Protein backbone atom coordinates (compact mmCIF):
# COMPACT_ATOMS: atom_id res chain seq x y z
CA MET A 1 -34.95 -44.79 -179.62
CA ALA A 2 -31.75 -47.32 -179.83
CA ARG A 3 -28.53 -47.15 -177.96
CA LYS A 4 -25.58 -46.85 -178.85
CA VAL A 5 -23.18 -50.03 -178.83
CA TYR A 6 -19.02 -50.00 -179.45
CA VAL A 7 -17.96 -52.78 -180.74
CA ARG A 8 -15.13 -54.68 -181.50
CA VAL A 9 -13.54 -54.74 -185.01
CA ASN A 10 -11.47 -56.72 -187.33
CA ALA A 11 -10.81 -55.10 -190.75
CA THR A 12 -8.67 -54.63 -193.74
CA PHE A 13 -7.26 -52.28 -194.57
CA GLY A 14 -6.82 -52.13 -198.56
CA THR A 15 -3.86 -49.97 -200.47
CA ASP A 16 -5.81 -47.32 -201.54
CA GLY A 17 -6.82 -46.38 -198.15
CA SER A 18 -10.37 -48.74 -197.45
CA ILE A 19 -11.52 -49.84 -194.71
CA SER A 20 -13.54 -53.34 -194.31
CA PRO A 21 -14.60 -54.52 -191.69
CA LYS A 22 -14.68 -58.86 -191.55
CA VAL A 23 -15.17 -59.62 -187.90
CA ILE A 24 -17.68 -57.72 -185.30
CA GLU A 25 -17.42 -58.38 -181.53
CA TRP A 26 -20.65 -57.85 -179.82
CA GLU A 27 -20.48 -56.47 -176.09
CA ASP A 28 -20.49 -60.41 -174.95
CA GLY A 29 -18.15 -61.64 -176.74
CA THR A 30 -20.07 -63.34 -179.43
CA GLN A 31 -18.46 -62.50 -182.71
CA TYR A 32 -20.23 -62.32 -186.66
CA GLN A 33 -18.62 -63.15 -189.13
CA VAL A 34 -18.76 -60.10 -192.14
CA GLU A 35 -19.59 -62.47 -195.04
CA ARG A 36 -19.81 -58.59 -197.55
CA VAL A 37 -19.87 -55.21 -197.34
CA LEU A 38 -22.99 -54.19 -199.06
CA ASP A 39 -22.40 -50.41 -198.91
CA VAL A 40 -20.18 -48.31 -197.67
CA ARG A 41 -21.76 -44.06 -197.37
CA ARG A 42 -21.19 -40.81 -194.53
CA ALA A 43 -24.53 -41.66 -192.41
CA ALA A 44 -25.94 -40.28 -189.31
CA SER A 45 -27.24 -43.04 -186.78
CA MET A 46 -30.89 -41.75 -186.47
CA ARG A 47 -32.37 -43.52 -183.82
CA ALA A 48 -29.19 -43.97 -181.53
CA GLY A 49 -27.31 -40.46 -182.42
CA GLY A 50 -23.65 -40.51 -183.60
CA SER A 51 -22.70 -40.09 -187.54
CA GLY A 52 -19.91 -41.33 -189.66
CA ILE A 53 -19.15 -43.93 -191.48
CA ARG A 54 -21.87 -46.38 -191.97
CA TYR A 55 -21.35 -49.85 -193.40
CA GLN A 56 -24.38 -52.26 -194.63
CA VAL A 57 -22.95 -55.53 -193.91
CA ARG A 58 -24.45 -58.99 -194.39
CA VAL A 59 -23.44 -61.23 -191.47
CA VAL A 60 -22.86 -64.46 -190.13
CA TRP A 61 -22.94 -67.09 -187.03
CA ASP A 62 -24.05 -70.41 -186.03
CA THR A 63 -26.97 -70.62 -184.06
CA PRO A 64 -27.38 -72.71 -181.25
CA GLU A 65 -28.46 -75.74 -182.89
CA GLY A 66 -25.31 -75.37 -185.44
CA GLN A 67 -27.12 -73.89 -188.09
CA PRO A 68 -25.64 -71.11 -190.27
CA ALA A 69 -27.95 -67.61 -189.74
CA TYR A 70 -27.76 -64.10 -191.62
CA ALA A 71 -28.74 -60.93 -191.22
CA VAL A 72 -28.31 -57.43 -192.67
CA SER A 73 -27.28 -54.96 -190.26
CA TYR A 74 -25.44 -51.58 -190.25
CA VAL A 75 -22.00 -50.85 -188.52
CA TRP A 76 -21.00 -47.27 -187.97
CA ARG A 77 -17.24 -46.13 -187.92
CA GLU A 78 -16.69 -42.71 -186.59
CA ASP A 79 -14.18 -40.20 -187.06
CA ASP A 80 -12.04 -41.07 -183.91
CA ASN A 81 -11.77 -44.48 -185.46
CA LYS A 82 -14.38 -46.79 -182.63
CA TRP A 83 -16.74 -48.73 -184.01
CA PHE A 84 -20.57 -48.78 -182.44
CA VAL A 85 -23.92 -50.59 -183.35
CA GLU A 86 -27.95 -49.40 -182.53
CA ALA A 87 -28.97 -52.20 -180.10
CA LYS A 88 -32.89 -52.18 -179.01
CA ASN A 89 -33.14 -50.86 -174.87
């Protein structure tokens, strides 16, 4: 089972009420730029527990060698507007 990690998220708010995450800050301070939001839907986190609006995002960060790295990940926004990700134990 994965653990639930609450993260800081910088997001933009659209005039239509939409919310789009732009930066996800991990618990150690590492920041991941959200290059693109791929999908948004209400869903549960089956591995870590909890539910809310699930954002499937493509994130980018710089490797220690200075090269960009990419990954597709999920971040959830709970009904109380707290954000979390699933992390490996």
